[in-house]
Amino acid sequence: MSPDEPHSSSLRYLLPTQSALVAPYGGLGGSKSVARELGEAVILSLLLFLVAQALVQQRRVLGHSMDPNLQTGEYLLIDRASYFQVDPHLLGGSSATAPAAQTQTPHFLLGGPHRGDIVVLNSPVEPAEYIKRVIGLPGETVEVRAGDGVYINGRRLTEPYIKEAPTYRWPAGGVANVVPAGHVFVLGDNRNNSSDSHIWGFLSERSIVGRAWISYWPREVLGIFEQPSYADLGTAPSPP
């Protein structure tokens, strides 16, 4: 027996194992057909497209209610994931009746509305979508003083982004209103040329479609929307 034979014998036993590690997908049953692979690729692409559409959508700004920050004709990407809602009675397995369930505050999987969010919403006064800024949160008192600005829980809101100070008073009686649970108070940045909560009242959180995330056209406005800090207001109170 030559010195090389034991070495050759070892290779003969190792090679089948090594070959199995790199066998084509399908294993012992053989490789998949080209038609099947193409079909699976199409299905996967469709699923990815549907997921992307559920998370991010496009919108075009129409009108001037958000001047000077959003111009008519501007194109936006809307983040819907931040506003995904689940009914609390479904999470808790409650046996509440349908009418009672509809009055419950929605549960947001990823936090929900924050002050300063620019949001797309289903208008409560017409079959259309509006774009406004979230100003008041559930449990907060809100007052708008003509020629001055917005007051949250008695403290003036610093808003460097608005076009000009409001010329109206809200509420008409001059007494701050409390934002109810499951609602927000929204205003346009162009305070004196905007159909918003100072006209039609508090907005149900269920009416919010998504948050303006990126402005991508025209190219000179390309960028991600920054979140105002409102640090001087402190933390918001808990909903009643």
C-alpha atoms as a PDB file:
ATOM      1  CA  MET A   1       0.000   0.000   0.000  1.00  0.00           C
ATOM      2  CA  SER A   2       1.425   3.352  -0.984  1.00  0.00           C
ATOM      3  CA  PRO A   3       1.590   6.271   1.499  1.00  0.00           C
ATOM      4  CA  ASP A   4      -0.979   8.173  -0.562  1.00  0.00           C
ATOM      5  CA  GLU A   5      -3.802   5.623  -0.269  1.00  0.00           C
ATOM      6  CA  PRO A   6      -5.061   6.448   3.270  1.00  0.00           C
ATOM      7  CA  HIS A   7      -5.203  10.118   2.326  1.00  0.00           C
ATOM      8  CA  SER A   8      -7.180   9.356  -0.856  1.00  0.00           C
ATOM      9  CA  SER A   9      -9.575   7.145   1.079  1.00  0.00           C
ATOM     10  CA  SER A  10     -10.315   9.980   3.528  1.00  0.00           C
ATOM     11  CA  LEU A  11     -11.160  12.329   0.678  1.00  0.00           C
ATOM     12  CA  ARG A  12     -13.566   9.800  -0.814  1.00  0.00           C
ATOM     13  CA  TYR A  13     -15.568   9.775   2.431  1.00  0.00           C
ATOM     14  CA  LEU A  14     -15.498  13.560   2.977  1.00  0.00           C
ATOM     15  CA  LEU A  15     -16.485  14.744  -0.484  1.00  0.00           C
ATOM     16  CA  PRO A  16     -20.118  13.544  -0.416  1.00  0.00           C
ATOM     17  CA  THR A  17     -20.692  15.417   2.869  1.00  0.00           C
ATOM     18  CA  GLN A  18     -19.131  18.600   1.511  1.00  0.00           C
ATOM     19  CA  SER A  19     -21.213  18.322  -1.651  1.00  0.00           C
ATOM     20  CA  ALA A  20     -24.449  18.060   0.363  1.00  0.00           C
ATOM     21  CA  LEU A  21     -23.738  21.398   2.046  1.00  0.00           C
ATOM     22  CA  VAL A  22     -23.903  23.228  -1.280  1.00  0.00           C
ATOM     23  CA  ALA A  23     -26.739  21.282  -2.893  1.00  0.00           C
ATOM     24  CA  PRO A  24     -29.173  23.410  -4.928  1.00  0.00           C
ATOM     25  CA  TYR A  25     -32.389  24.600  -3.196  1.00  0.00           C
ATOM     26  CA  GLY A  26     -34.842  21.715  -3.324  1.00  0.00           C
ATOM     27  CA  GLY A  27     -32.474  19.172  -1.788  1.00  0.00           C
ATOM     28  CA  LEU A  28     -33.176  15.553  -2.551  1.00  0.00           C
ATOM     29  CA  GLY A  29     -36.386  16.443  -4.318  1.00  0.00           C
ATOM     30  CA  GLY A  30     -34.523  18.242  -7.075  1.00  0.00           C
ATOM     31  CA  SER A  31     -34.432  21.888  -8.046  1.00  0.00           C
ATOM     32  CA  LYS A  32     -37.607  23.917  -8.486  1.00  0.00           C
ATOM     33  CA  SER A  33     -38.897  24.752 -11.915  1.00  0.00           C
ATOM     34  CA  VAL A  34     -38.194  28.165 -13.391  1.00  0.00           C
ATOM     35  CA  ALA A  35     -41.934  28.885 -13.546  1.00  0.00           C
ATOM     36  CA  ARG A  36     -42.354  28.156  -9.836  1.00  0.00           C
ATOM     37  CA  GLU A  37     -39.405  30.360  -8.891  1.00  0.00           C
ATOM     38  CA  LEU A  38     -40.749  33.203 -11.011  1.00  0.00           C
ATOM     39  CA  GLY A  39     -44.188  32.809  -9.442  1.00  0.00           C
ATOM     40  CA  GLU A  40     -42.760  32.974  -5.924  1.00  0.00           C
ATOM     41  CA  ALA A  41     -40.687  36.033  -6.862  1.00  0.00           C
ATOM     42  CA  VAL A  42     -43.795  37.795  -8.179  1.00  0.00           C
ATOM     43  CA  ILE A  43     -45.780  36.962  -5.035  1.00  0.00           C
ATOM     44  CA  LEU A  44     -42.945  38.166  -2.782  1.00  0.00           C
ATOM     45  CA  SER A  45     -42.619  41.397  -4.764  1.00  0.00           C
ATOM     46  CA  LEU A  46     -46.373  41.981  -4.503  1.00  0.00           C
ATOM     47  CA  LEU A  47     -46.325  41.406  -0.731  1.00  0.00           C
ATOM     48  CA  LEU A  48     -43.413  43.824  -0.306  1.00  0.00           C
ATOM     49  CA  PHE A  49     -45.255  46.415  -2.413  1.00  0.00           C
ATOM     50  CA  LEU A  50     -48.421  46.080  -0.317  1.00  0.00           C
ATOM     51  CA  VAL A  51     -46.448  46.400   2.929  1.00  0.00           C
ATOM     52  CA  ALA A  52     -44.655  49.483   1.604  1.00  0.00           C
ATOM     53  CA  GLN A  53     -47.989  51.019   0.584  1.00  0.00           C
ATOM     54  CA  ALA A  54     -49.368  50.361   4.065  1.00  0.00           C
ATOM     55  CA  LEU A  55     -46.391  52.058   5.728  1.00  0.00           C
ATOM     56  CA  VAL A  56     -45.630  54.955   3.384  1.00  0.00           C
ATOM     57  CA  GLN A  57     -47.867  56.827   0.961  1.00  0.00           C
ATOM     58  CA  GLN A  58     -47.577  59.868  -1.278  1.00  0.00           C
ATOM     59  CA  ARG A  59     -49.580  63.072  -1.027  1.00  0.00           C
ATOM     60  CA  ARG A  60     -49.629  66.396  -2.909  1.00  0.00           C
ATOM     61  CA  VAL A  61     -50.274  69.622  -1.022  1.00  0.00           C
ATOM     62  CA  LEU A  62     -53.176  71.714  -2.329  1.00  0.00           C
ATOM     63  CA  GLY A  63     -53.922  75.144  -0.925  1.00  0.00           C
ATOM     64  CA  HIS A  64     -52.142  77.566   1.393  1.00  0.00           C
ATOM     65  CA  SER A  65     -53.283  76.626   4.910  1.00  0.00           C
ATOM     66  CA  MET A  66     -49.774  75.403   5.831  1.00  0.00           C
ATOM     67  CA  ASP A  67     -47.843  78.401   4.483  1.00  0.00           C
ATOM     68  CA  PRO A  68     -45.009  79.208   4.870  1.00  0.00           C
ATOM     69  CA  ASN A  69     -43.807  75.635   5.530  1.00  0.00           C
ATOM     70  CA  LEU A  70     -45.721  73.694   2.881  1.00  0.00           C
ATOM     71  CA  GLN A  71     -46.408  75.147  -0.534  1.00  0.00           C
ATOM     72  CA  THR A  72     -49.251  74.172  -2.847  1.00  0.00           C
ATOM     73  CA  GLY A  73     -48.017  71.587  -5.345  1.00  0.00           C
ATOM     74  CA  GLU A  74     -45.405  70.168  -2.958  1.00  0.00           C
ATOM     75  CA  TYR A  75     -45.097  66.361  -2.833  1.00  0.00           C
ATOM     76  CA  LEU A  76     -44.796  64.511   0.461  1.00  0.00           C
ATOM     77  CA  LEU A  77     -44.205  61.017   1.794  1.00  0.00           C
ATOM     78  CA  ILE A  78     -46.625  60.152   4.582  1.00  0.00           C
ATOM     79  CA  ASP A  79     -45.646  57.858   7.452  1.00  0.00           C
ATOM     80  CA  ARG A  80     -48.684  55.763   8.350  1.00  0.00           C
ATOM     81  CA  ALA A  81     -46.938  53.323  10.694  1.00  0.00           C
ATOM     82  CA  SER A  82     -46.721  55.893  13.512  1.00  0.00           C
ATOM     83  CA  TYR A  83     -50.523  56.089  13.573  1.00  0.00           C
ATOM     84  CA  PHE A  84     -51.476  52.425  13.322  1.00  0.00           C
ATOM     85  CA  GLN A  85     -54.416  51.890  15.685  1.00  0.00           C
ATOM     86  CA  VAL A  86     -55.839  48.873  17.470  1.00  0.00           C
ATOM     87  CA  ASP A  87     -59.112  48.953  19.400  1.00  0.00           C
ATOM     88  CA  PRO A  88     -58.394  48.408  23.134  1.00  0.00           C
ATOM     89  CA  HIS A  89     -61.266  45.897  23.538  1.00  0.00           C
ATOM     90  CA  LEU A  90     -59.622  43.688  20.889  1.00  0.00           C
ATOM     91  CA  LEU A  91     -56.299  43.752  22.721  1.00  0.00           C
ATOM     92  CA  GLY A  92     -57.929  42.928  26.044  1.00  0.00           C
ATOM     93  CA  GLY A  93     -60.435  40.418  24.726  1.00  0.00           C
ATOM     94  CA  SER A  94     -63.312  42.557  25.988  1.00  0.00           C
ATOM     95  CA  SER A  95     -66.860  41.499  25.226  1.00  0.00           C
ATOM     96  CA  ALA A  96     -68.037  45.105  24.939  1.00  0.00           C
ATOM     97  CA  THR A  97     -70.855  45.800  22.544  1.00  0.00           C
ATOM     98  CA  ALA A  98     -70.096  47.458  19.221  1.00  0.00           C
ATOM     99  CA  PRO A  99     -71.481  50.931  20.161  1.00  0.00           C
ATOM    100  CA  ALA A 100     -69.476  50.945  23.387  1.00  0.00           C
ATOM    101  CA  ALA A 101     -66.335  49.822  21.582  1.00  0.00           C
ATOM    102  CA  GLN A 102     -66.622  52.716  19.136  1.00  0.00           C
ATOM    103  CA  THR A 103     -66.428  55.236  21.998  1.00  0.00           C
ATOM    104  CA  GLN A 104     -63.168  53.822  23.344  1.00  0.00           C
ATOM    105  CA  THR A 105     -59.900  55.659  22.819  1.00  0.00           C
ATOM    106  CA  PRO A 106     -57.823  53.969  20.077  1.00  0.00           C
ATOM    107  CA  HIS A 107     -54.532  52.360  21.040  1.00  0.00           C
ATOM    108  CA  PHE A 108     -51.560  53.450  18.918  1.00  0.00           C
ATOM    109  CA  LEU A 109     -48.958  50.756  18.394  1.00  0.00           C
ATOM    110  CA  LEU A 110     -46.130  53.276  17.869  1.00  0.00           C
ATOM    111  CA  GLY A 111     -47.050  56.202  20.072  1.00  0.00           C
ATOM    112  CA  GLY A 112     -49.651  58.092  18.070  1.00  0.00           C
ATOM    113  CA  PRO A 113     -49.932  61.892  17.808  1.00  0.00           C
ATOM    114  CA  HIS A 114     -47.305  64.243  19.207  1.00  0.00           C
ATOM    115  CA  ARG A 115     -47.494  67.992  19.433  1.00  0.00           C
ATOM    116  CA  GLY A 116     -45.954  69.513  16.328  1.00  0.00           C
ATOM    117  CA  ASP A 117     -46.735  66.574  14.043  1.00  0.00           C
ATOM    118  CA  ILE A 118     -47.876  67.655  10.586  1.00  0.00           C
ATOM    119  CA  VAL A 119     -50.649  65.187   9.810  1.00  0.00           C
ATOM    120  CA  VAL A 120     -52.894  64.204   6.933  1.00  0.00           C
ATOM    121  CA  LEU A 121     -56.462  63.752   8.157  1.00  0.00           C
ATOM    122  CA  ASN A 122     -59.916  62.934   6.902  1.00  0.00           C
ATOM    123  CA  SER A 123     -61.844  66.182   7.069  1.00  0.00           C
ATOM    124  CA  PRO A 124     -64.838  66.177   9.434  1.00  0.00           C
ATOM    125  CA  VAL A 125     -66.700  68.702   7.239  1.00  0.00           C
ATOM    126  CA  GLU A 126     -66.241  67.410   3.679  1.00  0.00           C
ATOM    127  CA  PRO A 127     -65.111  64.266   1.808  1.00  0.00           C
ATOM    128  CA  ALA A 128     -61.488  65.373   1.485  1.00  0.00           C
ATOM    129  CA  GLU A 129     -58.113  65.073   3.159  1.00  0.00           C
ATOM    130  CA  TYR A 130     -56.589  68.053   4.987  1.00  0.00           C
ATOM    131  CA  ILE A 131     -53.074  68.616   6.233  1.00  0.00           C
ATOM    132  CA  LYS A 132     -52.647  70.383   9.600  1.00  0.00           C
ATOM    133  CA  ARG A 133     -50.368  70.539  12.637  1.00  0.00           C
ATOM    134  CA  VAL A 134     -51.190  68.851  15.961  1.00  0.00           C
ATOM    135  CA  ILE A 135     -51.286  71.542  18.657  1.00  0.00           C
ATOM    136  CA  GLY A 136     -53.350  70.278  21.603  1.00  0.00           C
ATOM    137  CA  LEU A 137     -53.291  66.751  23.047  1.00  0.00           C
ATOM    138  CA  PRO A 138     -55.894  64.826  25.076  1.00  0.00           C
ATOM    139  CA  GLY A 139     -56.402  66.254  28.557  1.00  0.00           C
ATOM    140  CA  GLU A 140     -54.849  69.648  27.788  1.00  0.00           C
ATOM    141  CA  THR A 141     -56.611  73.011  27.960  1.00  0.00           C
ATOM    142  CA  VAL A 142     -56.349  75.077  24.770  1.00  0.00           C
ATOM    143  CA  GLU A 143     -56.964  78.763  24.175  1.00  0.00           C
ATOM    144  CA  VAL A 144     -56.182  80.954  21.150  1.00  0.00           C
ATOM    145  CA  ARG A 145     -55.779  84.680  21.859  1.00  0.00           C
ATOM    146  CA  ALA A 146     -56.193  87.139  19.005  1.00  0.00           C
ATOM    147  CA  GLY A 147     -52.979  88.963  18.117  1.00  0.00           C
ATOM    148  CA  ASP A 148     -51.022  86.804  20.539  1.00  0.00           C
ATOM    149  CA  GLY A 149     -50.965  83.043  20.061  1.00  0.00           C
ATOM    150  CA  VAL A 150     -51.927  79.622  21.425  1.00  0.00           C
ATOM    151  CA  TYR A 151     -51.941  78.834  25.137  1.00  0.00           C
ATOM    152  CA  ILE A 152     -51.644  75.254  26.383  1.00  0.00           C
ATOM    153  CA  ASN A 153     -52.558  74.734  30.048  1.00  0.00           C
ATOM    154  CA  GLY A 154     -52.194  78.489  30.520  1.00  0.00           C
ATOM    155  CA  ARG A 155     -48.716  78.707  29.000  1.00  0.00           C
ATOM    156  CA  ARG A 156     -48.023  80.423  25.685  1.00  0.00           C
ATOM    157  CA  LEU A 157     -46.837  78.086  22.936  1.00  0.00           C
ATOM    158  CA  THR A 158     -43.651  79.144  21.149  1.00  0.00           C
ATOM    159  CA  GLU A 159     -44.332  78.726  17.426  1.00  0.00           C
ATOM    160  CA  PRO A 160     -41.650  80.146  15.134  1.00  0.00           C
ATOM    161  CA  TYR A 161     -43.130  78.253  12.167  1.00  0.00           C
ATOM    162  CA  ILE A 162     -46.453  80.120  11.802  1.00  0.00           C
ATOM    163  CA  LYS A 163     -47.015  82.712   9.079  1.00  0.00           C
ATOM    164  CA  GLU A 164     -48.536  85.295  11.431  1.00  0.00           C
ATOM    165  CA  ALA A 165     -50.319  85.583  14.760  1.00  0.00           C
ATOM    166  CA  PRO A 166     -54.004  84.598  14.747  1.00  0.00           C
ATOM    167  CA  THR A 167     -56.524  87.415  14.410  1.00  0.00           C
ATOM    168  CA  TYR A 168     -59.304  85.320  15.978  1.00  0.00           C
ATOM    169  CA  ARG A 169     -60.165  84.227  19.485  1.00  0.00           C
ATOM    170  CA  TRP A 170     -60.932  80.623  20.398  1.00  0.00           C
ATOM    171  CA  PRO A 171     -63.153  79.620  22.089  1.00  0.00           C
ATOM    172  CA  ALA A 172     -65.413  82.577  21.479  1.00  0.00           C
ATOM    173  CA  GLY A 173     -66.076  82.948  25.206  1.00  0.00           C
ATOM    174  CA  GLY A 174     -62.380  83.228  25.971  1.00  0.00           C
ATOM    175  CA  VAL A 175     -62.343  80.278  28.399  1.00  0.00           C
ATOM    176  CA  ALA A 176     -59.905  77.491  27.546  1.00  0.00           C
ATOM    177  CA  ASN A 177     -61.440  74.209  26.416  1.00  0.00           C
ATOM    178  CA  VAL A 178     -60.186  70.770  27.432  1.00  0.00           C
ATOM    179  CA  VAL A 179     -59.240  68.388  24.628  1.00  0.00           C
ATOM    180  CA  PRO A 180     -61.299  65.218  25.237  1.00  0.00           C
ATOM    181  CA  ALA A 181     -59.825  61.736  25.275  1.00  0.00           C
ATOM    182  CA  GLY A 182     -59.321  60.277  21.808  1.00  0.00           C
ATOM    183  CA  HIS A 183     -59.101  63.728  20.187  1.00  0.00           C
ATOM    184  CA  VAL A 184     -56.539  66.377  19.266  1.00  0.00           C
ATOM    185  CA  PHE A 185     -56.640  70.099  18.475  1.00  0.00           C
ATOM    186  CA  VAL A 186     -55.137  70.874  15.041  1.00  0.00           C
ATOM    187  CA  LEU A 187     -54.338  74.157  13.316  1.00  0.00           C
ATOM    188  CA  GLY A 188     -52.841  75.257  10.009  1.00  0.00           C
ATOM    189  CA  ASP A 189     -49.555  77.162  10.132  1.00  0.00           C
ATOM    190  CA  ASN A 190     -51.261  79.901   8.117  1.00  0.00           C
ATOM    191  CA  ARG A 191     -53.496  80.607  11.089  1.00  0.00           C
ATOM    192  CA  ASN A 192     -55.751  83.175   9.430  1.00  0.00           C
ATOM    193  CA  ASN A 193     -56.357  81.177   6.253  1.00  0.00           C
ATOM    194  CA  SER A 194     -57.057  77.643   7.448  1.00  0.00           C
ATOM    195  CA  SER A 195     -60.105  75.442   8.013  1.00  0.00           C
ATOM    196  CA  ASP A 196     -59.110  73.667  11.211  1.00  0.00           C
ATOM    197  CA  SER A 197     -60.078  73.035  14.840  1.00  0.00           C
ATOM    198  CA  HIS A 198     -60.762  76.701  15.550  1.00  0.00           C
ATOM    199  CA  ILE A 199     -63.673  76.385  13.078  1.00  0.00           C
ATOM    200  CA  TRP A 200     -64.932  72.794  13.351  1.00  0.00           C
ATOM    201  CA  GLY A 201     -63.686  71.734  16.782  1.00  0.00           C
ATOM    202  CA  PHE A 202     -61.579  68.879  18.112  1.00  0.00           C
ATOM    203  CA  LEU A 203     -60.461  66.150  15.726  1.00  0.00           C
ATOM    204  CA  SER A 204     -60.965  62.463  16.471  1.00  0.00           C
ATOM    205  CA  GLU A 205     -57.652  60.614  16.477  1.00  0.00           C
ATOM    206  CA  ARG A 206     -59.325  57.982  14.315  1.00  0.00           C
ATOM    207  CA  SER A 207     -59.503  60.558  11.498  1.00  0.00           C
ATOM    208  CA  ILE A 208     -55.708  60.861  11.227  1.00  0.00           C
ATOM    209  CA  VAL A 209     -54.292  59.123   8.155  1.00  0.00           C
ATOM    210  CA  GLY A 210     -50.579  59.599   8.773  1.00  0.00           C
ATOM    211  CA  ARG A 211     -47.718  61.955   9.562  1.00  0.00           C
ATOM    212  CA  ALA A 212     -45.894  64.056   6.981  1.00  0.00           C
ATOM    213  CA  TRP A 213     -42.401  62.549   6.949  1.00  0.00           C
ATOM    214  CA  ILE A 214     -40.437  63.729   3.911  1.00  0.00           C
ATOM    215  CA  SER A 215     -40.899  66.477   1.351  1.00  0.00           C
ATOM    216  CA  TYR A 216     -39.348  65.251  -1.894  1.00  0.00           C
ATOM    217  CA  TRP A 217     -40.525  67.567  -4.692  1.00  0.00           C
ATOM    218  CA  PRO A 218     -39.619  70.179  -5.849  1.00  0.00           C
ATOM    219  CA  ARG A 219     -35.998  69.278  -5.227  1.00  0.00           C
ATOM    220  CA  GLU A 220     -35.198  72.532  -3.427  1.00  0.00           C
ATOM    221  CA  VAL A 221     -37.508  71.526  -0.540  1.00  0.00           C
ATOM    222  CA  LEU A 222     -36.169  67.967  -0.263  1.00  0.00           C
ATOM    223  CA  GLY A 223     -35.803  66.969   3.381  1.00  0.00           C
ATOM    224  CA  ILE A 224     -37.224  65.348   6.498  1.00  0.00           C
ATOM    225  CA  PHE A 225     -39.654  67.357   8.614  1.00  0.00           C
ATOM    226  CA  GLU A 226     -38.144  68.395  11.925  1.00  0.00           C
ATOM    227  CA  GLN A 227     -40.118  68.010  15.140  1.00  0.00           C
ATOM    228  CA  PRO A 228     -40.511  71.192  17.232  1.00  0.00           C
ATOM    229  CA  SER A 229     -39.339  70.683  20.812  1.00  0.00           C
ATOM    230  CA  TYR A 230     -41.866  72.667  22.919  1.00  0.00           C
ATOM    231  CA  ALA A 231     -39.505  72.017  25.826  1.00  0.00           C
ATOM    232  CA  ASP A 232     -40.838  75.003  27.794  1.00  0.00           C
ATOM    233  CA  LEU A 233     -44.276  73.328  28.130  1.00  0.00           C
ATOM    234  CA  GLY A 234     -43.069  70.285  30.024  1.00  0.00           C
ATOM    235  CA  THR A 235     -44.881  66.957  29.770  1.00  0.00           C
ATOM    236  CA  ALA A 236     -48.511  66.690  28.731  1.00  0.00           C
ATOM    237  CA  PRO A 237     -51.100  65.656  31.338  1.00  0.00           C
ATOM    238  CA  SER A 238     -52.683  62.246  31.224  1.00  0.00           C
ATOM    239  CA  PRO A 239     -56.019  61.976  29.363  1.00  0.00           C
ATOM    240  CA  PRO A 240     -59.070  62.197  31.651  1.00  0.00           C
END
